[in-house]
Amino acid sequence: MVILIPHMATNLTFSIVTPSFRQLEWLRLNSASVLDQVDVSLEHIIQDAGTGPEFQEWAQGKPKTQIFIEKDDGMFDAINRGWRRASGKYVAQLNCDEQYLPGALARVARYFVANPQVDVLYGDSIIMDSAGNLRTYWKAVPLHSLQVAAGGISNPTAAIFFRKDLLDQGFYYDPRWRQVGDAEWNRAVLAAGKKTAAPGILTSIYAVTGKNLSTTVESAREMAEWEATSPRWVRSLKWPAKAWTAIYRKLLEPRSRKIPEVAFYRPGQFERRHCIRQIDLSTRWPVDLYSDKPPEALRQFSDLQPL
C-alpha cells in the first residue's frame, strides 16, 4: 500500500470517498469540485487501484486530500476502504466522472442540521454527456423499502449523502455484489427503518460516459441475480414499482426545468468552473446518449460563460 498526502484533521463536516482507476482526466474535475466547496470542512479520500506515475504526479500537494494507492476488489470494495477511513460527520461517495455543484455540501449540511431525524439525503442531479454537454435534470425519487427490494432503485450515488452513524452501525457495501452494491446498500438501509428524504436539493453532476458500471452487461446480469434474493411476493411488485417511478417522473415532474445558473467543470478544463445561465433542462432521460448524433446546439460550449 502506498499512501500519499495524508491529511489529518478533526471535527470534519464531510468525508467524500472517490474510487479511482485510470480515469485521471475525469478525476481532475471531480477533485476540483470537491476542493472549492465553501462553508464546510471536509476531507477527500481517493482510493486508487494503481493508475500509475501520472496519477501520482497529479496527487502531489493536493489540499484536504488523502490518497491511498492499493489494490482492491472492485469499485465498491474501494469505497468501503475509504469509508472505513472517514472521519467526517456526513459521508458520501463521488465517482471519478461525477462532480459537486458550488455550495452543494453546505446546503446538504444545513438540511441535516435542520432535520436531525433524517439519516440519508437523496439529492437532485444533472446528467452530462461524455462531451460535457448538460442534458437532463434528474430529480431524486423518494424511496421505500419494498420499492427498492422489488428493483425500483433510481437515485444516483453522486447525490446520496448520509450520517456517519450508519457506518458505525455496519452499513457498508456488501462485498458479494461487485456491480449493484448501491442497490443492496439502499435495500439494507431502508429495511432497517432508517429515515430518508428527497428534499429537492440540487447537488451534483454525473457524466454518462458509456463506461459507467451500471451500463454494463455484467451489471444487468448481477441485477437479475440480486433481485432474485428478494421473496417472490416482493419480486411481483417490480413492475408496479417501476410504474410508480415512471408516474413520478412523467406526471408529477414538469417536462423541463429552467435553472438560473449551472457552474461546472467541463472535460479538459479543470482550472475553473464554467457557467450556463438561464438554461432549460429536460427532466426525461436523454435517449440519444449512446448515439452518434451531435448534441443539441443549445448545449454547445459556445453557450458557456466563464465565472
C-alpha atoms as a PDB file:
ATOM      1  CA  MET A   1       0.000   0.000   0.000  1.00  0.00           C
ATOM      2  CA  VAL A   2       1.245   3.473  -0.927  1.00  0.00           C
ATOM      3  CA  ILE A   3      -0.162   6.441   0.953  1.00  0.00           C
ATOM      4  CA  LEU A   4       0.190   9.940  -0.479  1.00  0.00           C
ATOM      5  CA  ILE A   5      -0.760  13.242   1.091  1.00  0.00           C
ATOM      6  CA  PRO A   6      -2.008  12.065   4.486  1.00  0.00           C
ATOM      7  CA  HIS A   7      -4.458  14.803   5.511  1.00  0.00           C
ATOM      8  CA  MET A   8      -5.001  14.850   9.247  1.00  0.00           C
ATOM      9  CA  ALA A   9      -7.937  16.864  10.526  1.00  0.00           C
ATOM     10  CA  THR A  10     -10.569  16.628  13.232  1.00  0.00           C
ATOM     11  CA  ASN A  11     -14.184  17.723  13.579  1.00  0.00           C
ATOM     12  CA  LEU A  12     -14.769  17.479   9.850  1.00  0.00           C
ATOM     13  CA  THR A  13     -18.194  18.053   8.351  1.00  0.00           C
ATOM     14  CA  PHE A  14     -17.809  15.761   5.312  1.00  0.00           C
ATOM     15  CA  SER A  15     -15.819  12.758   4.185  1.00  0.00           C
ATOM     16  CA  ILE A  16     -16.049  12.297   0.418  1.00  0.00           C
ATOM     17  CA  VAL A  17     -14.709   8.998  -0.972  1.00  0.00           C
ATOM     18  CA  THR A  18     -13.727   8.543  -4.616  1.00  0.00           C
ATOM     19  CA  PRO A  19     -12.710   5.178  -6.129  1.00  0.00           C
ATOM     20  CA  SER A  20     -10.140   5.692  -8.877  1.00  0.00           C
ATOM     21  CA  PHE A  21      -8.520   3.629 -11.604  1.00  0.00           C
ATOM     22  CA  ARG A  22      -7.235   5.088 -14.874  1.00  0.00           C
ATOM     23  CA  GLN A  23      -9.764   7.925 -15.022  1.00  0.00           C
ATOM     24  CA  LEU A  24      -7.433  10.813 -14.274  1.00  0.00           C
ATOM     25  CA  GLU A  25      -8.985  13.258 -16.750  1.00  0.00           C
ATOM     26  CA  TRP A  26     -12.370  12.898 -15.057  1.00  0.00           C
ATOM     27  CA  LEU A  27     -10.799  12.804 -11.597  1.00  0.00           C
ATOM     28  CA  ARG A  28      -9.263  16.244 -12.179  1.00  0.00           C
ATOM     29  CA  LEU A  29     -12.778  17.685 -12.488  1.00  0.00           C
ATOM     30  CA  ASN A  30     -14.063  15.653  -9.571  1.00  0.00           C
ATOM     31  CA  SER A  31     -11.275  16.830  -7.256  1.00  0.00           C
ATOM     32  CA  ALA A  32     -11.632  20.482  -8.254  1.00  0.00           C
ATOM     33  CA  SER A  33     -15.363  20.366  -7.485  1.00  0.00           C
ATOM     34  CA  VAL A  34     -14.715  18.978  -4.001  1.00  0.00           C
ATOM     35  CA  LEU A  35     -11.873  21.331  -3.105  1.00  0.00           C
ATOM     36  CA  ASP A  36     -13.777  24.522  -3.996  1.00  0.00           C
ATOM     37  CA  GLN A  37     -16.724  23.753  -1.710  1.00  0.00           C
ATOM     38  CA  VAL A  38     -17.258  26.577   0.787  1.00  0.00           C
ATOM     39  CA  ASP A  39     -18.564  26.910   4.359  1.00  0.00           C
ATOM     40  CA  VAL A  40     -17.801  23.278   5.265  1.00  0.00           C
ATOM     41  CA  SER A  41     -14.758  21.392   6.493  1.00  0.00           C
ATOM     42  CA  LEU A  42     -14.027  18.251   4.534  1.00  0.00           C
ATOM     43  CA  GLU A  43     -11.634  15.513   3.570  1.00  0.00           C
ATOM     44  CA  HIS A  44     -11.457  13.941   0.131  1.00  0.00           C
ATOM     45  CA  ILE A  45     -10.352  10.313   0.332  1.00  0.00           C
ATOM     46  CA  ILE A  46      -9.222   8.927  -3.031  1.00  0.00           C
ATOM     47  CA  GLN A  47      -8.774   5.166  -3.272  1.00  0.00           C
ATOM     48  CA  ASP A  48      -6.664   4.480  -6.364  1.00  0.00           C
ATOM     49  CA  ALA A  49      -6.137   0.915  -7.568  1.00  0.00           C
ATOM     50  CA  GLY A  50      -2.825   1.671  -9.289  1.00  0.00           C
ATOM     51  CA  THR A  51      -3.337   4.167 -12.100  1.00  0.00           C
ATOM     52  CA  GLY A  52       0.397   4.835 -12.381  1.00  0.00           C
ATOM     53  CA  PRO A  53       3.029   7.597 -12.381  1.00  0.00           C
ATOM     54  CA  GLU A  54       0.837  10.265 -13.983  1.00  0.00           C
ATOM     55  CA  PHE A  55      -1.703   9.881 -11.189  1.00  0.00           C
ATOM     56  CA  GLN A  56       0.979  10.035  -8.509  1.00  0.00           C
ATOM     57  CA  GLU A  57       2.433  13.182 -10.028  1.00  0.00           C
ATOM     58  CA  TRP A  58      -1.008  14.809 -10.094  1.00  0.00           C
ATOM     59  CA  ALA A  59      -1.669  13.754  -6.498  1.00  0.00           C
ATOM     60  CA  GLN A  60       1.287  15.596  -5.030  1.00  0.00           C
ATOM     61  CA  GLY A  61       0.306  18.593  -2.919  1.00  0.00           C
ATOM     62  CA  LYS A  62      -3.469  18.211  -3.015  1.00  0.00           C
ATOM     63  CA  PRO A  63      -5.001  20.017  -0.011  1.00  0.00           C
ATOM     64  CA  LYS A  64      -7.728  18.419   2.106  1.00  0.00           C
ATOM     65  CA  THR A  65      -6.991  15.125   0.368  1.00  0.00           C
ATOM     66  CA  GLN A  66      -5.907  11.679   1.457  1.00  0.00           C
ATOM     67  CA  ILE A  67      -4.757   9.396  -1.333  1.00  0.00           C
ATOM     68  CA  PHE A  68      -4.354   5.656  -0.860  1.00  0.00           C
ATOM     69  CA  ILE A  69      -2.886   3.550  -3.655  1.00  0.00           C
ATOM     70  CA  GLU A  70      -3.714  -0.096  -3.120  1.00  0.00           C
ATOM     71  CA  LYS A  71      -5.276  -2.982  -4.966  1.00  0.00           C
ATOM     72  CA  ASP A  72      -8.962  -3.540  -4.364  1.00  0.00           C
ATOM     73  CA  ASP A  73     -11.659  -5.991  -5.350  1.00  0.00           C
ATOM     74  CA  GLY A  74     -13.663  -3.584  -7.466  1.00  0.00           C
ATOM     75  CA  MET A  75     -15.321  -0.205  -7.057  1.00  0.00           C
ATOM     76  CA  PHE A  76     -17.466  -0.994  -4.046  1.00  0.00           C
ATOM     77  CA  ASP A  77     -14.563  -2.554  -2.174  1.00  0.00           C
ATOM     78  CA  ALA A  78     -12.549   0.610  -2.844  1.00  0.00           C
ATOM     79  CA  ILE A  79     -15.364   2.749  -1.457  1.00  0.00           C
ATOM     80  CA  ASN A  80     -15.635   0.559   1.641  1.00  0.00           C
ATOM     81  CA  ARG A  81     -11.905   1.058   2.234  1.00  0.00           C
ATOM     82  CA  GLY A  82     -12.361   4.804   2.022  1.00  0.00           C
ATOM     83  CA  TRP A  83     -15.455   4.793   4.230  1.00  0.00           C
ATOM     84  CA  ARG A  84     -13.522   2.939   6.933  1.00  0.00           C
ATOM     85  CA  ARG A  85     -11.053   5.828   6.934  1.00  0.00           C
ATOM     86  CA  ALA A  86     -13.761   8.503   7.031  1.00  0.00           C
ATOM     87  CA  SER A  87     -13.891  10.872   9.989  1.00  0.00           C
ATOM     88  CA  GLY A  88     -16.490  13.412   8.866  1.00  0.00           C
ATOM     89  CA  LYS A  89     -19.947  13.824  10.378  1.00  0.00           C
ATOM     90  CA  TYR A  90     -21.529  13.181   6.962  1.00  0.00           C
ATOM     91  CA  VAL A  91     -20.284  10.777   4.292  1.00  0.00           C
ATOM     92  CA  ALA A  92     -20.698  10.354   0.543  1.00  0.00           C
ATOM     93  CA  GLN A  93     -19.124   8.749  -2.482  1.00  0.00           C
ATOM     94  CA  LEU A  94     -18.282  10.680  -5.626  1.00  0.00           C
ATOM     95  CA  ASN A  95     -17.088   8.612  -8.571  1.00  0.00           C
ATOM     96  CA  CYS A  96     -14.410   9.973 -10.884  1.00  0.00           C
ATOM     97  CA  ASP A  97     -16.877  11.026 -13.592  1.00  0.00           C
ATOM     98  CA  GLU A  98     -19.031  12.963 -11.101  1.00  0.00           C
ATOM     99  CA  GLN A  99     -18.729  16.388  -9.520  1.00  0.00           C
ATOM    100  CA  TYR A 100     -20.415  18.649  -6.986  1.00  0.00           C
ATOM    101  CA  LEU A 101     -22.067  21.927  -7.841  1.00  0.00           C
ATOM    102  CA  PRO A 102     -20.962  25.090  -5.987  1.00  0.00           C
ATOM    103  CA  GLY A 103     -22.154  25.199  -2.391  1.00  0.00           C
ATOM    104  CA  ALA A 104     -23.707  21.726  -2.596  1.00  0.00           C
ATOM    105  CA  LEU A 105     -22.139  20.364   0.572  1.00  0.00           C
ATOM    106  CA  ALA A 106     -23.078  23.440   2.612  1.00  0.00           C
ATOM    107  CA  ARG A 107     -26.718  23.042   1.524  1.00  0.00           C
ATOM    108  CA  VAL A 108     -26.670  19.357   2.455  1.00  0.00           C
ATOM    109  CA  ALA A 109     -25.123  20.105   5.863  1.00  0.00           C
ATOM    110  CA  ARG A 110     -27.763  22.741   6.618  1.00  0.00           C
ATOM    111  CA  TYR A 111     -30.503  20.262   5.765  1.00  0.00           C
ATOM    112  CA  PHE A 112     -29.072  17.601   8.070  1.00  0.00           C
ATOM    113  CA  VAL A 113     -28.764  20.106  10.923  1.00  0.00           C
ATOM    114  CA  ALA A 114     -32.361  21.261  10.443  1.00  0.00           C
ATOM    115  CA  ASN A 115     -33.653  17.674  10.137  1.00  0.00           C
ATOM    116  CA  PRO A 116     -31.873  15.559  12.756  1.00  0.00           C
ATOM    117  CA  GLN A 117     -34.263  12.655  12.189  1.00  0.00           C
ATOM    118  CA  VAL A 118     -33.036  12.139   8.591  1.00  0.00           C
ATOM    119  CA  ASP A 119     -30.263   9.574   8.105  1.00  0.00           C
ATOM    120  CA  VAL A 120     -29.931   9.647   4.303  1.00  0.00           C
ATOM    121  CA  LEU A 121     -30.456  12.524   1.883  1.00  0.00           C
ATOM    122  CA  TYR A 122     -31.147  11.875  -1.797  1.00  0.00           C
ATOM    123  CA  GLY A 123     -30.215  14.988  -3.777  1.00  0.00           C
ATOM    124  CA  ASP A 124     -31.081  16.035  -7.317  1.00  0.00           C
ATOM    125  CA  SER A 125     -28.555  15.750 -10.159  1.00  0.00           C
ATOM    126  CA  ILE A 126     -27.796  16.917 -13.664  1.00  0.00           C
ATOM    127  CA  ILE A 127     -26.835  14.391 -16.315  1.00  0.00           C
ATOM    128  CA  MET A 128     -23.900  15.348 -18.538  1.00  0.00           C
ATOM    129  CA  ASP A 129     -22.783  13.511 -21.658  1.00  0.00           C
ATOM    130  CA  SER A 130     -19.194  12.463 -22.332  1.00  0.00           C
ATOM    131  CA  ALA A 131     -18.504  15.667 -24.291  1.00  0.00           C
ATOM    132  CA  GLY A 132     -19.513  17.844 -21.353  1.00  0.00           C
ATOM    133  CA  ASN A 133     -22.971  18.873 -22.570  1.00  0.00           C
ATOM    134  CA  LEU A 134     -25.621  19.240 -19.866  1.00  0.00           C
ATOM    135  CA  ARG A 135     -28.614  17.146 -20.835  1.00  0.00           C
ATOM    136  CA  THR A 136     -31.139  16.383 -18.098  1.00  0.00           C
ATOM    137  CA  TYR A 137     -32.297  17.478 -14.658  1.00  0.00           C
ATOM    138  CA  TRP A 138     -32.663  14.252 -12.678  1.00  0.00           C
ATOM    139  CA  LYS A 139     -34.862  14.657  -9.628  1.00  0.00           C
ATOM    140  CA  ALA A 140     -34.361  12.217  -6.766  1.00  0.00           C
ATOM    141  CA  VAL A 141     -37.293   9.900  -6.114  1.00  0.00           C
ATOM    142  CA  PRO A 142     -38.405   9.185  -2.532  1.00  0.00           C
ATOM    143  CA  LEU A 143     -37.502   5.534  -1.923  1.00  0.00           C
ATOM    144  CA  HIS A 144     -39.277   2.909   0.149  1.00  0.00           C
ATOM    145  CA  SER A 145     -38.014  -0.498   1.214  1.00  0.00           C
ATOM    146  CA  LEU A 146     -40.425  -2.553  -0.901  1.00  0.00           C
ATOM    147  CA  GLN A 147     -39.825  -0.345  -3.925  1.00  0.00           C
ATOM    148  CA  VAL A 148     -36.056  -0.861  -3.782  1.00  0.00           C
ATOM    149  CA  ALA A 149     -36.289  -4.566  -2.921  1.00  0.00           C
ATOM    150  CA  ALA A 150     -38.531  -5.055  -5.956  1.00  0.00           C
ATOM    151  CA  GLY A 151     -35.916  -3.462  -8.222  1.00  0.00           C
ATOM    152  CA  GLY A 152     -37.115   0.119  -8.315  1.00  0.00           C
ATOM    153  CA  ILE A 153     -33.956   1.975  -7.271  1.00  0.00           C
ATOM    154  CA  SER A 154     -33.344   5.070  -9.373  1.00  0.00           C
ATOM    155  CA  ASN A 155     -31.290   7.606  -7.415  1.00  0.00           C
ATOM    156  CA  PRO A 156     -27.626   8.056  -8.446  1.00  0.00           C
ATOM    157  CA  THR A 157     -24.908   7.687  -5.834  1.00  0.00           C
ATOM    158  CA  ALA A 158     -23.442  11.067  -6.878  1.00  0.00           C
ATOM    159  CA  ALA A 159     -26.211  12.742  -4.884  1.00  0.00           C
ATOM    160  CA  ILE A 160     -26.562  10.424  -1.882  1.00  0.00           C
ATOM    161  CA  PHE A 161     -25.349  11.709   1.494  1.00  0.00           C
ATOM    162  CA  PHE A 162     -25.673  10.056   4.895  1.00  0.00           C
ATOM    163  CA  ARG A 163     -24.675  10.404   8.514  1.00  0.00           C
ATOM    164  CA  LYS A 164     -21.500   8.594   9.537  1.00  0.00           C
ATOM    165  CA  ASP A 165     -23.542   6.876  12.250  1.00  0.00           C
ATOM    166  CA  LEU A 166     -24.678   4.452   9.552  1.00  0.00           C
ATOM    167  CA  LEU A 167     -21.108   3.272   9.043  1.00  0.00           C
ATOM    168  CA  ASP A 168     -20.699   2.861  12.783  1.00  0.00           C
ATOM    169  CA  GLN A 169     -23.754   0.581  12.601  1.00  0.00           C
ATOM    170  CA  GLY A 170     -22.195  -1.504   9.811  1.00  0.00           C
ATOM    171  CA  PHE A 171     -23.918  -0.139   6.714  1.00  0.00           C
ATOM    172  CA  TYR A 172     -21.095  -0.715   4.242  1.00  0.00           C
ATOM    173  CA  TYR A 173     -21.379  -2.135   0.741  1.00  0.00           C
ATOM    174  CA  ASP A 174     -21.927  -5.888   0.746  1.00  0.00           C
ATOM    175  CA  PRO A 175     -18.795  -7.443  -0.872  1.00  0.00           C
ATOM    176  CA  ARG A 176     -20.926 -10.115  -2.551  1.00  0.00           C
ATOM    177  CA  TRP A 177     -22.111  -7.569  -5.093  1.00  0.00           C
ATOM    178  CA  ARG A 178     -19.497  -6.113  -7.447  1.00  0.00           C
ATOM    179  CA  GLN A 179     -21.907  -4.317  -9.804  1.00  0.00           C
ATOM    180  CA  VAL A 180     -25.050  -3.460  -7.837  1.00  0.00           C
ATOM    181  CA  GLY A 181     -23.694  -2.781  -4.362  1.00  0.00           C
ATOM    182  CA  ASP A 182     -25.615   0.500  -4.174  1.00  0.00           C
ATOM    183  CA  ALA A 183     -28.927  -1.308  -4.682  1.00  0.00           C
ATOM    184  CA  GLU A 184     -28.151  -3.660  -1.795  1.00  0.00           C
ATOM    185  CA  TRP A 185     -26.984  -0.762   0.405  1.00  0.00           C
ATOM    186  CA  ASN A 186     -30.231   1.128  -0.144  1.00  0.00           C
ATOM    187  CA  ARG A 187     -32.284  -2.011   0.448  1.00  0.00           C
ATOM    188  CA  ALA A 188     -30.477  -2.689   3.730  1.00  0.00           C
ATOM    189  CA  VAL A 189     -30.754   0.899   4.950  1.00  0.00           C
ATOM    190  CA  LEU A 190     -34.463   1.137   4.166  1.00  0.00           C
ATOM    191  CA  ALA A 191     -35.235  -2.331   5.554  1.00  0.00           C
ATOM    192  CA  ALA A 192     -33.611  -1.241   8.824  1.00  0.00           C
ATOM    193  CA  GLY A 193     -36.097   1.618   9.069  1.00  0.00           C
ATOM    194  CA  LYS A 194     -33.611   4.416   8.523  1.00  0.00           C
ATOM    195  CA  LYS A 195     -35.179   7.756   7.689  1.00  0.00           C
ATOM    196  CA  THR A 196     -34.534   9.049   4.185  1.00  0.00           C
ATOM    197  CA  ALA A 197     -35.551  12.235   2.386  1.00  0.00           C
ATOM    198  CA  ALA A 198     -35.521  13.649  -1.136  1.00  0.00           C
ATOM    199  CA  PRO A 199     -35.933  17.390  -0.476  1.00  0.00           C
ATOM    200  CA  GLY A 200     -35.095  18.584  -3.991  1.00  0.00           C
ATOM    201  CA  ILE A 201     -31.603  19.946  -3.269  1.00  0.00           C
ATOM    202  CA  LEU A 202     -29.566  20.110  -6.497  1.00  0.00           C
ATOM    203  CA  THR A 203     -26.102  18.847  -5.594  1.00  0.00           C
ATOM    204  CA  SER A 204     -24.274  17.044  -8.356  1.00  0.00           C
ATOM    205  CA  ILE A 205     -23.458  16.392 -11.982  1.00  0.00           C
ATOM    206  CA  TYR A 206     -22.749  12.916 -13.205  1.00  0.00           C
ATOM    207  CA  ALA A 207     -21.445  12.051 -16.632  1.00  0.00           C
ATOM    208  CA  VAL A 208     -22.828   9.196 -18.692  1.00  0.00           C
ATOM    209  CA  THR A 209     -19.669   8.174 -20.498  1.00  0.00           C
ATOM    210  CA  GLY A 210     -20.620   4.748 -21.841  1.00  0.00           C
ATOM    211  CA  LYS A 211     -18.209   3.216 -19.316  1.00  0.00           C
ATOM    212  CA  ASN A 212     -20.431   3.622 -16.263  1.00  0.00           C
ATOM    213  CA  LEU A 213     -20.693   0.454 -14.188  1.00  0.00           C
ATOM    214  CA  SER A 214     -24.489   0.478 -14.363  1.00  0.00           C
ATOM    215  CA  THR A 215     -24.461   0.275 -18.177  1.00  0.00           C
ATOM    216  CA  THR A 216     -22.504  -2.993 -18.465  1.00  0.00           C
ATOM    217  CA  VAL A 217     -23.837  -6.432 -19.345  1.00  0.00           C
ATOM    218  CA  GLU A 218     -22.327  -7.708 -16.094  1.00  0.00           C
ATOM    219  CA  SER A 219     -24.359  -5.161 -14.161  1.00  0.00           C
ATOM    220  CA  ALA A 220     -27.614  -6.270 -15.796  1.00  0.00           C
ATOM    221  CA  ARG A 221     -26.813  -9.904 -15.070  1.00  0.00           C
ATOM    222  CA  GLU A 222     -25.938  -9.211 -11.447  1.00  0.00           C
ATOM    223  CA  MET A 223     -29.034  -7.037 -11.000  1.00  0.00           C
ATOM    224  CA  ALA A 224     -31.169 -10.011 -12.026  1.00  0.00           C
ATOM    225  CA  GLU A 225     -29.311 -12.187  -9.514  1.00  0.00           C
ATOM    226  CA  TRP A 226     -29.754  -9.563  -6.808  1.00  0.00           C
ATOM    227  CA  GLU A 227     -33.482  -9.173  -7.471  1.00  0.00           C
ATOM    228  CA  ALA A 228     -33.837 -12.937  -7.134  1.00  0.00           C
ATOM    229  CA  THR A 229     -32.723 -12.688  -3.489  1.00  0.00           C
ATOM    230  CA  SER A 230     -35.988 -10.934  -2.616  1.00  0.00           C
ATOM    231  CA  PRO A 231     -39.041 -13.070  -1.775  1.00  0.00           C
ATOM    232  CA  ARG A 232     -41.277 -13.988  -4.695  1.00  0.00           C
ATOM    233  CA  TRP A 233     -44.104 -11.754  -3.500  1.00  0.00           C
ATOM    234  CA  VAL A 234     -41.726  -8.792  -3.362  1.00  0.00           C
ATOM    235  CA  ARG A 235     -40.438  -9.541  -6.865  1.00  0.00           C
ATOM    236  CA  SER A 236     -44.030  -9.495  -8.087  1.00  0.00           C
ATOM    237  CA  LEU A 237     -44.077  -5.780  -7.252  1.00  0.00           C
ATOM    238  CA  LYS A 238     -41.220  -4.954  -9.635  1.00  0.00           C
ATOM    239  CA  TRP A 239     -43.330  -3.534 -12.428  1.00  0.00           C
ATOM    240  CA  PRO A 240     -45.728  -1.641 -10.151  1.00  0.00           C
ATOM    241  CA  ALA A 241     -42.622  -0.117  -8.507  1.00  0.00           C
ATOM    242  CA  LYS A 242     -41.209   0.868 -11.867  1.00  0.00           C
ATOM    243  CA  ALA A 243     -44.594   2.219 -12.902  1.00  0.00           C
ATOM    244  CA  TRP A 244     -44.677   4.415  -9.802  1.00  0.00           C
ATOM    245  CA  THR A 245     -41.237   5.792 -10.649  1.00  0.00           C
ATOM    246  CA  ALA A 246     -42.364   6.491 -14.212  1.00  0.00           C
ATOM    247  CA  ILE A 247     -45.517   8.228 -12.954  1.00  0.00           C
ATOM    248  CA  TYR A 248     -43.467  10.279 -10.525  1.00  0.00           C
ATOM    249  CA  ARG A 249     -41.107  11.438 -13.241  1.00  0.00           C
ATOM    250  CA  LYS A 250     -43.553  11.877 -16.106  1.00  0.00           C
ATOM    251  CA  LEU A 251     -46.705  13.114 -14.380  1.00  0.00           C
ATOM    252  CA  LEU A 252     -45.568  14.758 -11.163  1.00  0.00           C
ATOM    253  CA  GLU A 253     -42.455  16.350 -12.674  1.00  0.00           C
ATOM    254  CA  PRO A 254     -42.680  19.112 -15.322  1.00  0.00           C
ATOM    255  CA  ARG A 255     -41.204  18.211 -18.702  1.00  0.00           C
ATOM    256  CA  SER A 256     -38.377  20.676 -18.196  1.00  0.00           C
ATOM    257  CA  ARG A 257     -36.797  22.865 -15.552  1.00  0.00           C
ATOM    258  CA  LYS A 258     -35.322  26.298 -16.037  1.00  0.00           C
ATOM    259  CA  ILE A 259     -32.148  26.590 -13.990  1.00  0.00           C
ATOM    260  CA  PRO A 260     -30.942  30.165 -13.355  1.00  0.00           C
ATOM    261  CA  GLU A 261     -27.288  29.137 -13.323  1.00  0.00           C
ATOM    262  CA  VAL A 262     -25.172  25.982 -13.509  1.00  0.00           C
ATOM    263  CA  ALA A 263     -21.438  26.330 -12.818  1.00  0.00           C
ATOM    264  CA  PHE A 264     -19.442  23.191 -13.505  1.00  0.00           C
ATOM    265  CA  TYR A 265     -16.114  21.797 -14.651  1.00  0.00           C
ATOM    266  CA  ARG A 266     -16.178  20.605 -18.224  1.00  0.00           C
ATOM    267  CA  PRO A 267     -13.929  17.886 -19.679  1.00  0.00           C
ATOM    268  CA  GLY A 268     -10.382  19.044 -20.362  1.00  0.00           C
ATOM    269  CA  GLN A 269     -10.791  22.304 -18.424  1.00  0.00           C
ATOM    270  CA  PHE A 270     -10.434  21.799 -14.689  1.00  0.00           C
ATOM    271  CA  GLU A 271      -8.827  25.163 -13.883  1.00  0.00           C
ATOM    272  CA  ARG A 272     -12.127  26.943 -13.292  1.00  0.00           C
ATOM    273  CA  ARG A 273     -15.845  26.398 -13.431  1.00  0.00           C
ATOM    274  CA  HIS A 274     -17.838  27.498 -16.434  1.00  0.00           C
ATOM    275  CA  CYS A 275     -21.349  28.784 -16.157  1.00  0.00           C
ATOM    276  CA  ILE A 276     -24.532  28.434 -18.182  1.00  0.00           C
ATOM    277  CA  ARG A 277     -27.249  30.907 -17.239  1.00  0.00           C
ATOM    278  CA  GLN A 278     -30.987  30.527 -17.775  1.00  0.00           C
ATOM    279  CA  ILE A 279     -30.786  27.010 -19.141  1.00  0.00           C
ATOM    280  CA  ASP A 280     -33.812  24.789 -19.798  1.00  0.00           C
ATOM    281  CA  LEU A 281     -33.103  21.151 -18.967  1.00  0.00           C
ATOM    282  CA  SER A 282     -35.407  18.264 -19.806  1.00  0.00           C
ATOM    283  CA  THR A 283     -36.499  16.071 -16.896  1.00  0.00           C
ATOM    284  CA  ARG A 284     -36.604  12.989 -19.162  1.00  0.00           C
ATOM    285  CA  TRP A 285     -33.773  10.534 -19.696  1.00  0.00           C
ATOM    286  CA  PRO A 286     -31.817  11.564 -22.839  1.00  0.00           C
ATOM    287  CA  VAL A 287     -32.366   8.527 -25.042  1.00  0.00           C
ATOM    288  CA  ASP A 288     -29.703   9.600 -27.554  1.00  0.00           C
ATOM    289  CA  LEU A 289     -26.829   9.495 -25.054  1.00  0.00           C
ATOM    290  CA  TYR A 290     -25.275   6.475 -26.719  1.00  0.00           C
ATOM    291  CA  SER A 291     -25.909   7.527 -30.308  1.00  0.00           C
ATOM    292  CA  ASP A 292     -23.527   9.208 -32.756  1.00  0.00           C
ATOM    293  CA  LYS A 293     -25.907  12.121 -33.202  1.00  0.00           C
ATOM    294  CA  PRO A 294     -24.280  15.502 -32.420  1.00  0.00           C
ATOM    295  CA  PRO A 295     -25.542  17.128 -29.218  1.00  0.00           C
ATOM    296  CA  GLU A 296     -28.145  19.859 -29.339  1.00  0.00           C
ATOM    297  CA  ALA A 297     -26.810  23.267 -30.309  1.00  0.00           C
ATOM    298  CA  LEU A 298     -28.123  24.725 -27.051  1.00  0.00           C
ATOM    299  CA  ARG A 299     -25.684  22.575 -25.118  1.00  0.00           C
ATOM    300  CA  GLN A 300     -22.571  23.524 -27.083  1.00  0.00           C
ATOM    301  CA  PHE A 301     -19.674  25.107 -25.244  1.00  0.00           C
ATOM    302  CA  SER A 302     -20.221  28.384 -27.083  1.00  0.00           C
ATOM    303  CA  ASP A 303     -23.130  28.976 -24.735  1.00  0.00           C
ATOM    304  CA  LEU A 304     -20.874  28.828 -21.700  1.00  0.00           C
ATOM    305  CA  GLN A 305     -19.674  31.913 -19.883  1.00  0.00           C
ATOM    306  CA  PRO A 306     -16.644  31.656 -17.593  1.00  0.00           C
ATOM    307  CA  LEU A 307     -17.156  32.609 -13.978  1.00  0.00           C
END
